[in-house]
Amino acid sequence: GLVQAGGSLTLSCAASISSFSINTLGWYRQAP
């Protein structure tokens, strides 16, 4: 979302799989 400088925000990610086991979770980011 949109937040002012100095503010806070929390992201969440729920991963679901078939066949695979998940070892690592996290975030990457990409700016223009």
PDB file of all heavy atoms in Angstrom:
ATOM      1  N   GLY A   1       0.808  -1.199   0.000  1.00  0.00           N
ATOM      2  CA  GLY A   1       0.000   0.000   0.000  1.00  0.00           C
ATOM      3  C   GLY A   1       0.839   1.246   0.000  1.00  0.00           C
ATOM      4  O   GLY A   1       2.039   1.220  -0.276  1.00  0.00           O
ATOM      5  N   LEU A   2       0.188   2.349   0.310  1.00  0.00           N
ATOM      6  CA  LEU A   2       0.819   3.662   0.349  1.00  0.00           C
ATOM      7  C   LEU A   2       0.999   4.094   1.793  1.00  0.00           C
ATOM      8  O   LEU A   2       0.055   4.023   2.588  1.00  0.00           O
ATOM      9  CB  LEU A   2      -0.031   4.678  -0.415  1.00  0.00           C
ATOM     10  CG  LEU A   2       0.421   6.133  -0.390  1.00  0.00           C
ATOM     11  CD1 LEU A   2       1.761   6.289  -1.093  1.00  0.00           C
ATOM     12  CD2 LEU A   2      -0.640   7.016  -1.039  1.00  0.00           C
ATOM     13  N   VAL A   3       2.197   4.546   2.126  1.00  0.00           N
ATOM     14  CA  VAL A   3       2.490   4.978   3.483  1.00  0.00           C
ATOM     15  C   VAL A   3       3.412   6.188   3.430  1.00  0.00           C
ATOM     16  O   VAL A   3       4.201   6.339   2.498  1.00  0.00           O
ATOM     17  CB  VAL A   3       3.126   3.822   4.293  1.00  0.00           C
ATOM     18  CG1 VAL A   3       4.478   3.438   3.720  1.00  0.00           C
ATOM     19  CG2 VAL A   3       3.238   4.185   5.761  1.00  0.00           C
ATOM     20  N   GLN A   4       3.304   7.051   4.421  1.00  0.00           N
ATOM     21  CA  GLN A   4       4.181   8.209   4.502  1.00  0.00           C
ATOM     22  C   GLN A   4       5.560   7.819   5.006  1.00  0.00           C
ATOM     23  O   GLN A   4       5.718   6.829   5.721  1.00  0.00           O
ATOM     24  CB  GLN A   4       3.584   9.271   5.425  1.00  0.00           C
ATOM     25  CG  GLN A   4       2.279   9.877   4.946  1.00  0.00           C
ATOM     26  CD  GLN A   4       1.766  10.956   5.875  1.00  0.00           C
ATOM     27  OE1 GLN A   4       2.519  11.518   6.676  1.00  0.00           O
ATOM     28  NE2 GLN A   4       0.492  11.265   5.778  1.00  0.00           N
ATOM     29  N   ALA A   5       6.551   8.593   4.623  1.00  0.00           N
ATOM     30  CA  ALA A   5       7.906   8.361   5.113  1.00  0.00           C
ATOM     31  C   ALA A   5       7.921   8.323   6.632  1.00  0.00           C
ATOM     32  O   ALA A   5       7.274   9.143   7.287  1.00  0.00           O
ATOM     33  CB  ALA A   5       8.852   9.436   4.598  1.00  0.00           C
ATOM     34  N   GLY A   6       8.653   7.372   7.174  1.00  0.00           N
ATOM     35  CA  GLY A   6       8.707   7.184   8.609  1.00  0.00           C
ATOM     36  C   GLY A   6       7.646   6.257   9.149  1.00  0.00           C
ATOM     37  O   GLY A   6       7.694   5.890  10.335  1.00  0.00           O
ATOM     38  N   GLY A   7       6.715   5.871   8.317  1.00  0.00           N
ATOM     39  CA  GLY A   7       5.635   5.009   8.739  1.00  0.00           C
ATOM     40  C   GLY A   7       6.008   3.542   8.732  1.00  0.00           C
ATOM     41  O   GLY A   7       7.149   3.168   8.453  1.00  0.00           O
ATOM     42  N   SER A   8       5.017   2.713   9.033  1.00  0.00           N
ATOM     43  CA  SER A   8       5.217   1.276   9.133  1.00  0.00           C
ATOM     44  C   SER A   8       4.219   0.530   8.273  1.00  0.00           C
ATOM     45  O   SER A   8       3.126   1.016   7.989  1.00  0.00           O
ATOM     46  CB  SER A   8       5.076   0.814  10.586  1.00  0.00           C
ATOM     47  OG  SER A   8       6.023   1.430  11.425  1.00  0.00           O
ATOM     48  N   LEU A   9       4.614  -0.662   7.881  1.00  0.00           N
ATOM     49  CA  LEU A   9       3.767  -1.507   7.063  1.00  0.00           C
ATOM     50  C   LEU A   9       4.205  -2.951   7.280  1.00  0.00           C
ATOM     51  O   LEU A   9       5.397  -3.214   7.485  1.00  0.00           O
ATOM     52  CB  LEU A   9       3.918  -1.124   5.591  1.00  0.00           C
ATOM     53  CG  LEU A   9       2.820  -1.481   4.595  1.00  0.00           C
ATOM     54  CD1 LEU A   9       1.507  -0.805   4.965  1.00  0.00           C
ATOM     55  CD2 LEU A   9       3.244  -1.077   3.189  1.00  0.00           C
ATOM     56  N   THR A  10       3.260  -3.876   7.237  1.00  0.00           N
ATOM     57  CA  THR A  10       3.578  -5.282   7.379  1.00  0.00           C
ATOM     58  C   THR A  10       3.068  -6.058   6.170  1.00  0.00           C
ATOM     59  O   THR A  10       1.898  -5.952   5.806  1.00  0.00           O
ATOM     60  CB  THR A  10       2.962  -5.872   8.660  1.00  0.00           C
ATOM     61  OG1 THR A  10       3.502  -5.209   9.799  1.00  0.00           O
ATOM     62  CG2 THR A  10       3.287  -7.359   8.772  1.00  0.00           C
ATOM     63  N   LEU A  11       3.955  -6.811   5.563  1.00  0.00           N
ATOM     64  CA  LEU A  11       3.602  -7.670   4.449  1.00  0.00           C
ATOM     65  C   LEU A  11       3.438  -9.101   4.942  1.00  0.00           C
ATOM     66  O   LEU A  11       4.092  -9.523   5.896  1.00  0.00           O
ATOM     67  CB  LEU A  11       4.678  -7.642   3.367  1.00  0.00           C
ATOM     68  CG  LEU A  11       5.088  -6.281   2.804  1.00  0.00           C
ATOM     69  CD1 LEU A  11       6.143  -6.472   1.718  1.00  0.00           C
ATOM     70  CD2 LEU A  11       3.886  -5.538   2.261  1.00  0.00           C
ATOM     71  N   SER A  12       2.581  -9.848   4.288  1.00  0.00           N
ATOM     72  CA  SER A  12       2.453 -11.258   4.579  1.00  0.00           C
ATOM     73  C   SER A  12       2.446 -12.046   3.281  1.00  0.00           C
ATOM     74  O   SER A  12       2.040 -11.542   2.227  1.00  0.00           O
ATOM     75  CB  SER A  12       1.189 -11.560   5.391  1.00  0.00           C
ATOM     76  OG  SER A  12       0.020 -11.295   4.639  1.00  0.00           O
ATOM     77  N   CYS A  13       2.908 -13.265   3.371  1.00  0.00           N
ATOM     78  CA  CYS A  13       2.929 -14.157   2.222  1.00  0.00           C
ATOM     79  C   CYS A  13       2.636 -15.564   2.701  1.00  0.00           C
ATOM     80  O   CYS A  13       3.369 -16.094   3.544  1.00  0.00           O
ATOM     81  CB  CYS A  13       4.276 -14.101   1.509  1.00  0.00           C
ATOM     82  SG  CYS A  13       4.419 -15.284   0.150  1.00  0.00           S
ATOM     83  N   ALA A  14       1.588 -16.152   2.175  1.00  0.00           N
ATOM     84  CA  ALA A  14       1.254 -17.534   2.455  1.00  0.00           C
ATOM     85  C   ALA A  14       1.610 -18.365   1.238  1.00  0.00           C
ATOM     86  O   ALA A  14       1.098 -18.120   0.142  1.00  0.00           O
ATOM     87  CB  ALA A  14      -0.224 -17.676   2.790  1.00  0.00           C
ATOM     88  N   ALA A  15       2.495 -19.315   1.422  1.00  0.00           N
ATOM     89  CA  ALA A  15       2.950 -20.169   0.337  1.00  0.00           C
ATOM     90  C   ALA A  15       2.301 -21.537   0.443  1.00  0.00           C
ATOM     91  O   ALA A  15       2.240 -22.127   1.523  1.00  0.00           O
ATOM     92  CB  ALA A  15       4.467 -20.309   0.358  1.00  0.00           C
ATOM     93  N   SER A  16       1.813 -22.027  -0.661  1.00  0.00           N
ATOM     94  CA  SER A  16       1.262 -23.375  -0.725  1.00  0.00           C
ATOM     95  C   SER A  16       1.962 -24.139  -1.834  1.00  0.00           C
ATOM     96  O   SER A  16       2.313 -23.565  -2.873  1.00  0.00           O
ATOM     97  CB  SER A  16      -0.247 -23.334  -0.958  1.00  0.00           C
ATOM     98  OG  SER A  16      -0.561 -22.714  -2.190  1.00  0.00           O
ATOM     99  N   ILE A  17       2.153 -25.422  -1.599  1.00  0.00           N
ATOM    100  CA  ILE A  17       2.907 -26.216  -2.559  1.00  0.00           C
ATOM    101  C   ILE A  17       2.259 -27.574  -2.785  1.00  0.00           C
ATOM    102  O   ILE A  17       1.475 -28.056  -1.970  1.00  0.00           O
ATOM    103  CB  ILE A  17       4.362 -26.443  -2.097  1.00  0.00           C
ATOM    104  CG1 ILE A  17       4.394 -27.290  -0.814  1.00  0.00           C
ATOM    105  CG2 ILE A  17       5.081 -25.112  -1.885  1.00  0.00           C
ATOM    106  CD1 ILE A  17       5.777 -27.754  -0.421  1.00  0.00           C
ATOM    107  N   SER A  18       2.593 -28.160  -3.886  1.00  0.00           N
ATOM    108  CA  SER A  18       2.337 -29.568  -4.139  1.00  0.00           C
ATOM    109  C   SER A  18       3.656 -30.187  -4.567  1.00  0.00           C
ATOM    110  O   SER A  18       4.389 -29.617  -5.383  1.00  0.00           O
ATOM    111  CB  SER A  18       1.271 -29.750  -5.214  1.00  0.00           C
ATOM    112  OG  SER A  18       1.656 -29.152  -6.438  1.00  0.00           O
ATOM    113  N   SER A  19       3.972 -31.328  -4.003  1.00  0.00           N
ATOM    114  CA  SER A  19       5.189 -32.100  -4.293  1.00  0.00           C
ATOM    115  C   SER A  19       6.436 -31.552  -3.602  1.00  0.00           C
ATOM    116  O   SER A  19       7.189 -32.312  -3.007  1.00  0.00           O
ATOM    117  CB  SER A  19       5.446 -32.197  -5.798  1.00  0.00           C
ATOM    118  OG  SER A  19       4.378 -32.840  -6.459  1.00  0.00           O
ATOM    119  N   PHE A  20       6.657 -30.242  -3.679  1.00  0.00           N
ATOM    120  CA  PHE A  20       7.863 -29.655  -3.110  1.00  0.00           C
ATOM    121  C   PHE A  20       7.738 -29.384  -1.614  1.00  0.00           C
ATOM    122  O   PHE A  20       6.644 -29.212  -1.089  1.00  0.00           O
ATOM    123  CB  PHE A  20       8.194 -28.341  -3.810  1.00  0.00           C
ATOM    124  CG  PHE A  20       8.780 -28.485  -5.184  1.00  0.00           C
ATOM    125  CD1 PHE A  20       8.970 -27.355  -5.976  1.00  0.00           C
ATOM    126  CD2 PHE A  20       9.127 -29.713  -5.689  1.00  0.00           C
ATOM    127  CE1 PHE A  20       9.506 -27.472  -7.238  1.00  0.00           C
ATOM    128  CE2 PHE A  20       9.661 -29.849  -6.958  1.00  0.00           C
ATOM    129  CZ  PHE A  20       9.848 -28.710  -7.728  1.00  0.00           C
ATOM    130  N   SER A  21       8.880 -29.326  -0.952  1.00  0.00           N
ATOM    131  CA  SER A  21       8.994 -28.850   0.415  1.00  0.00           C
ATOM    132  C   SER A  21       9.664 -27.482   0.386  1.00  0.00           C
ATOM    133  O   SER A  21      10.646 -27.293  -0.330  1.00  0.00           O
ATOM    134  CB  SER A  21       9.816 -29.811   1.274  1.00  0.00           C
ATOM    135  OG  SER A  21       9.183 -31.064   1.385  1.00  0.00           O
ATOM    136  N   ILE A  22       9.138 -26.534   1.158  1.00  0.00           N
ATOM    137  CA  ILE A  22       9.669 -25.178   1.174  1.00  0.00           C
ATOM    138  C   ILE A  22      10.719 -25.051   2.262  1.00  0.00           C
ATOM    139  O   ILE A  22      10.446 -25.293   3.433  1.00  0.00           O
ATOM    140  CB  ILE A  22       8.549 -24.153   1.384  1.00  0.00           C
ATOM    141  CG1 ILE A  22       7.569 -24.204   0.212  1.00  0.00           C
ATOM    142  CG2 ILE A  22       9.133 -22.749   1.529  1.00  0.00           C
ATOM    143  CD1 ILE A  22       6.359 -23.319   0.381  1.00  0.00           C
ATOM    144  N   ASN A  23      11.913 -24.645   1.858  1.00  0.00           N
ATOM    145  CA  ASN A  23      13.016 -24.453   2.790  1.00  0.00           C
ATOM    146  C   ASN A  23      13.124 -23.006   3.265  1.00  0.00           C
ATOM    147  O   ASN A  23      13.342 -22.755   4.444  1.00  0.00           O
ATOM    148  CB  ASN A  23      14.335 -24.881   2.146  1.00  0.00           C
ATOM    149  CG  ASN A  23      15.532 -24.626   3.046  1.00  0.00           C
ATOM    150  OD1 ASN A  23      15.546 -25.053   4.203  1.00  0.00           O
ATOM    151  ND2 ASN A  23      16.535 -23.939   2.511  1.00  0.00           N
ATOM    152  N   THR A  24      12.969 -22.074   2.343  1.00  0.00           N
ATOM    153  CA  THR A  24      13.201 -20.668   2.635  1.00  0.00           C
ATOM    154  C   THR A  24      12.049 -19.818   2.120  1.00  0.00           C
ATOM    155  O   THR A  24      11.534 -20.055   1.024  1.00  0.00           O
ATOM    156  CB  THR A  24      14.512 -20.196   1.989  1.00  0.00           C
ATOM    157  OG1 THR A  24      15.590 -20.981   2.487  1.00  0.00           O
ATOM    158  CG2 THR A  24      14.779 -18.725   2.285  1.00  0.00           C
ATOM    159  N   LEU A  25      11.653 -18.834   2.911  1.00  0.00           N
ATOM    160  CA  LEU A  25      10.640 -17.859   2.524  1.00  0.00           C
ATOM    161  C   LEU A  25      11.184 -16.455   2.717  1.00  0.00           C
ATOM    162  O   LEU A  25      12.036 -16.224   3.579  1.00  0.00           O
ATOM    163  CB  LEU A  25       9.376 -18.009   3.365  1.00  0.00           C
ATOM    164  CG  LEU A  25       8.493 -19.235   3.121  1.00  0.00           C
ATOM    165  CD1 LEU A  25       7.442 -19.339   4.216  1.00  0.00           C
ATOM    166  CD2 LEU A  25       7.830 -19.147   1.756  1.00  0.00           C
ATOM    167  N   GLY A  26      10.676 -15.520   1.937  1.00  0.00           N
ATOM    168  CA  GLY A  26      11.090 -14.145   2.125  1.00  0.00           C
ATOM    169  C   GLY A  26      10.593 -13.242   1.027  1.00  0.00           C
ATOM    170  O   GLY A  26       9.610 -13.551   0.353  1.00  0.00           O
ATOM    171  N   TRP A  27      11.282 -12.119   0.876  1.00  0.00           N
ATOM    172  CA  TRP A  27      10.919 -11.129  -0.128  1.00  0.00           C
ATOM    173  C   TRP A  27      12.126 -10.617  -0.887  1.00  0.00           C
ATOM    174  O   TRP A  27      13.201 -10.410  -0.315  1.00  0.00           O
ATOM    175  CB  TRP A  27      10.226  -9.909   0.520  1.00  0.00           C
ATOM    176  CG  TRP A  27       8.781 -10.103   0.788  1.00  0.00           C
ATOM    177  CD1 TRP A  27       7.730  -9.747  -0.009  1.00  0.00           C
ATOM    178  CD2 TRP A  27       8.215 -10.709   1.963  1.00  0.00           C
ATOM    179  NE1 TRP A  27       6.546 -10.094   0.592  1.00  0.00           N
ATOM    180  CE2 TRP A  27       6.815 -10.680   1.802  1.00  0.00           C
ATOM    181  CE3 TRP A  27       8.751 -11.253   3.119  1.00  0.00           C
ATOM    182  CZ2 TRP A  27       5.946 -11.195   2.770  1.00  0.00           C
ATOM    183  CZ3 TRP A  27       7.891 -11.770   4.077  1.00  0.00           C
ATOM    184  CH2 TRP A  27       6.511 -11.730   3.888  1.00  0.00           C
ATOM    185  N   TYR A  28      11.926 -10.430  -2.159  1.00  0.00           N
ATOM    186  CA  TYR A  28      12.764  -9.603  -2.989  1.00  0.00           C
ATOM    187  C   TYR A  28      11.961  -8.353  -3.338  1.00  0.00           C
ATOM    188  O   TYR A  28      10.741  -8.308  -3.144  1.00  0.00           O
ATOM    189  CB  TYR A  28      13.168 -10.322  -4.275  1.00  0.00           C
ATOM    190  CG  TYR A  28      14.293 -11.322  -4.110  1.00  0.00           C
ATOM    191  CD1 TYR A  28      14.135 -12.465  -3.338  1.00  0.00           C
ATOM    192  CD2 TYR A  28      15.516 -11.123  -4.746  1.00  0.00           C
ATOM    193  CE1 TYR A  28      15.158 -13.382  -3.191  1.00  0.00           C
ATOM    194  CE2 TYR A  28      16.548 -12.038  -4.611  1.00  0.00           C
ATOM    195  CZ  TYR A  28      16.357 -13.165  -3.830  1.00  0.00           C
ATOM    196  OH  TYR A  28      17.381 -14.084  -3.696  1.00  0.00           O
ATOM    197  N   ARG A  29      12.630  -7.340  -3.848  1.00  0.00           N
ATOM    198  CA  ARG A  29      11.918  -6.163  -4.329  1.00  0.00           C
ATOM    199  C   ARG A  29      12.564  -5.664  -5.603  1.00  0.00           C
ATOM    200  O   ARG A  29      13.744  -5.883  -5.857  1.00  0.00           O
ATOM    201  CB  ARG A  29      11.882  -5.056  -3.269  1.00  0.00           C
ATOM    202  CG  ARG A  29      13.227  -4.413  -2.955  1.00  0.00           C
ATOM    203  CD  ARG A  29      13.077  -3.415  -1.807  1.00  0.00           C
ATOM    204  NE  ARG A  29      14.336  -2.769  -1.470  1.00  0.00           N
ATOM    205  CZ  ARG A  29      14.513  -1.981  -0.421  1.00  0.00           C
ATOM    206  NH1 ARG A  29      13.501  -1.732   0.406  1.00  0.00           N
ATOM    207  NH2 ARG A  29      15.699  -1.425  -0.196  1.00  0.00           N
ATOM    208  N   GLN A  30      11.753  -4.983  -6.395  1.00  0.00           N
ATOM    209  CA  GLN A  30      12.240  -4.430  -7.649  1.00  0.00           C
ATOM    210  C   GLN A  30      11.603  -3.068  -7.879  1.00  0.00           C
ATOM    211  O   GLN A  30      10.378  -2.946  -7.925  1.00  0.00           O
ATOM    212  CB  GLN A  30      11.938  -5.362  -8.818  1.00  0.00           C
ATOM    213  CG  GLN A  30      12.580  -4.933 -10.117  1.00  0.00           C
ATOM    214  CD  GLN A  30      12.669  -6.060 -11.123  1.00  0.00           C
ATOM    215  OE1 GLN A  30      11.938  -7.045 -11.030  1.00  0.00           O
ATOM    216  NE2 GLN A  30      13.573  -5.926 -12.077  1.00  0.00           N
ATOM    217  N   ALA A  31      12.440  -2.069  -7.996  1.00  0.00           N
ATOM    218  CA  ALA A  31      12.007  -0.715  -8.297  1.00  0.00           C
ATOM    219  C   ALA A  31      12.239  -0.437  -9.774  1.00  0.00           C
ATOM    220  O   ALA A  31      13.090  -1.073 -10.408  1.00  0.00           O
ATOM    221  CB  ALA A  31      12.765   0.290  -7.437  1.00  0.00           C
ATOM    222  N   PRO A  32      11.505   0.510 -10.342  1.00  0.00           N
ATOM    223  CA  PRO A  32      11.679   0.834 -11.760  1.00  0.00           C
ATOM    224  C   PRO A  32      13.125   1.170 -12.099  1.00  0.00           C
ATOM    225  O   PRO A  32      13.760   1.973 -11.415  1.00  0.00           O
ATOM    226  CB  PRO A  32      10.770   2.044 -11.964  1.00  0.00           C
ATOM    227  CG  PRO A  32       9.711   1.893 -10.922  1.00  0.00           C
ATOM    228  CD  PRO A  32      10.430   1.315  -9.734  1.00  0.00           C
TER     229      PRO A  32
END
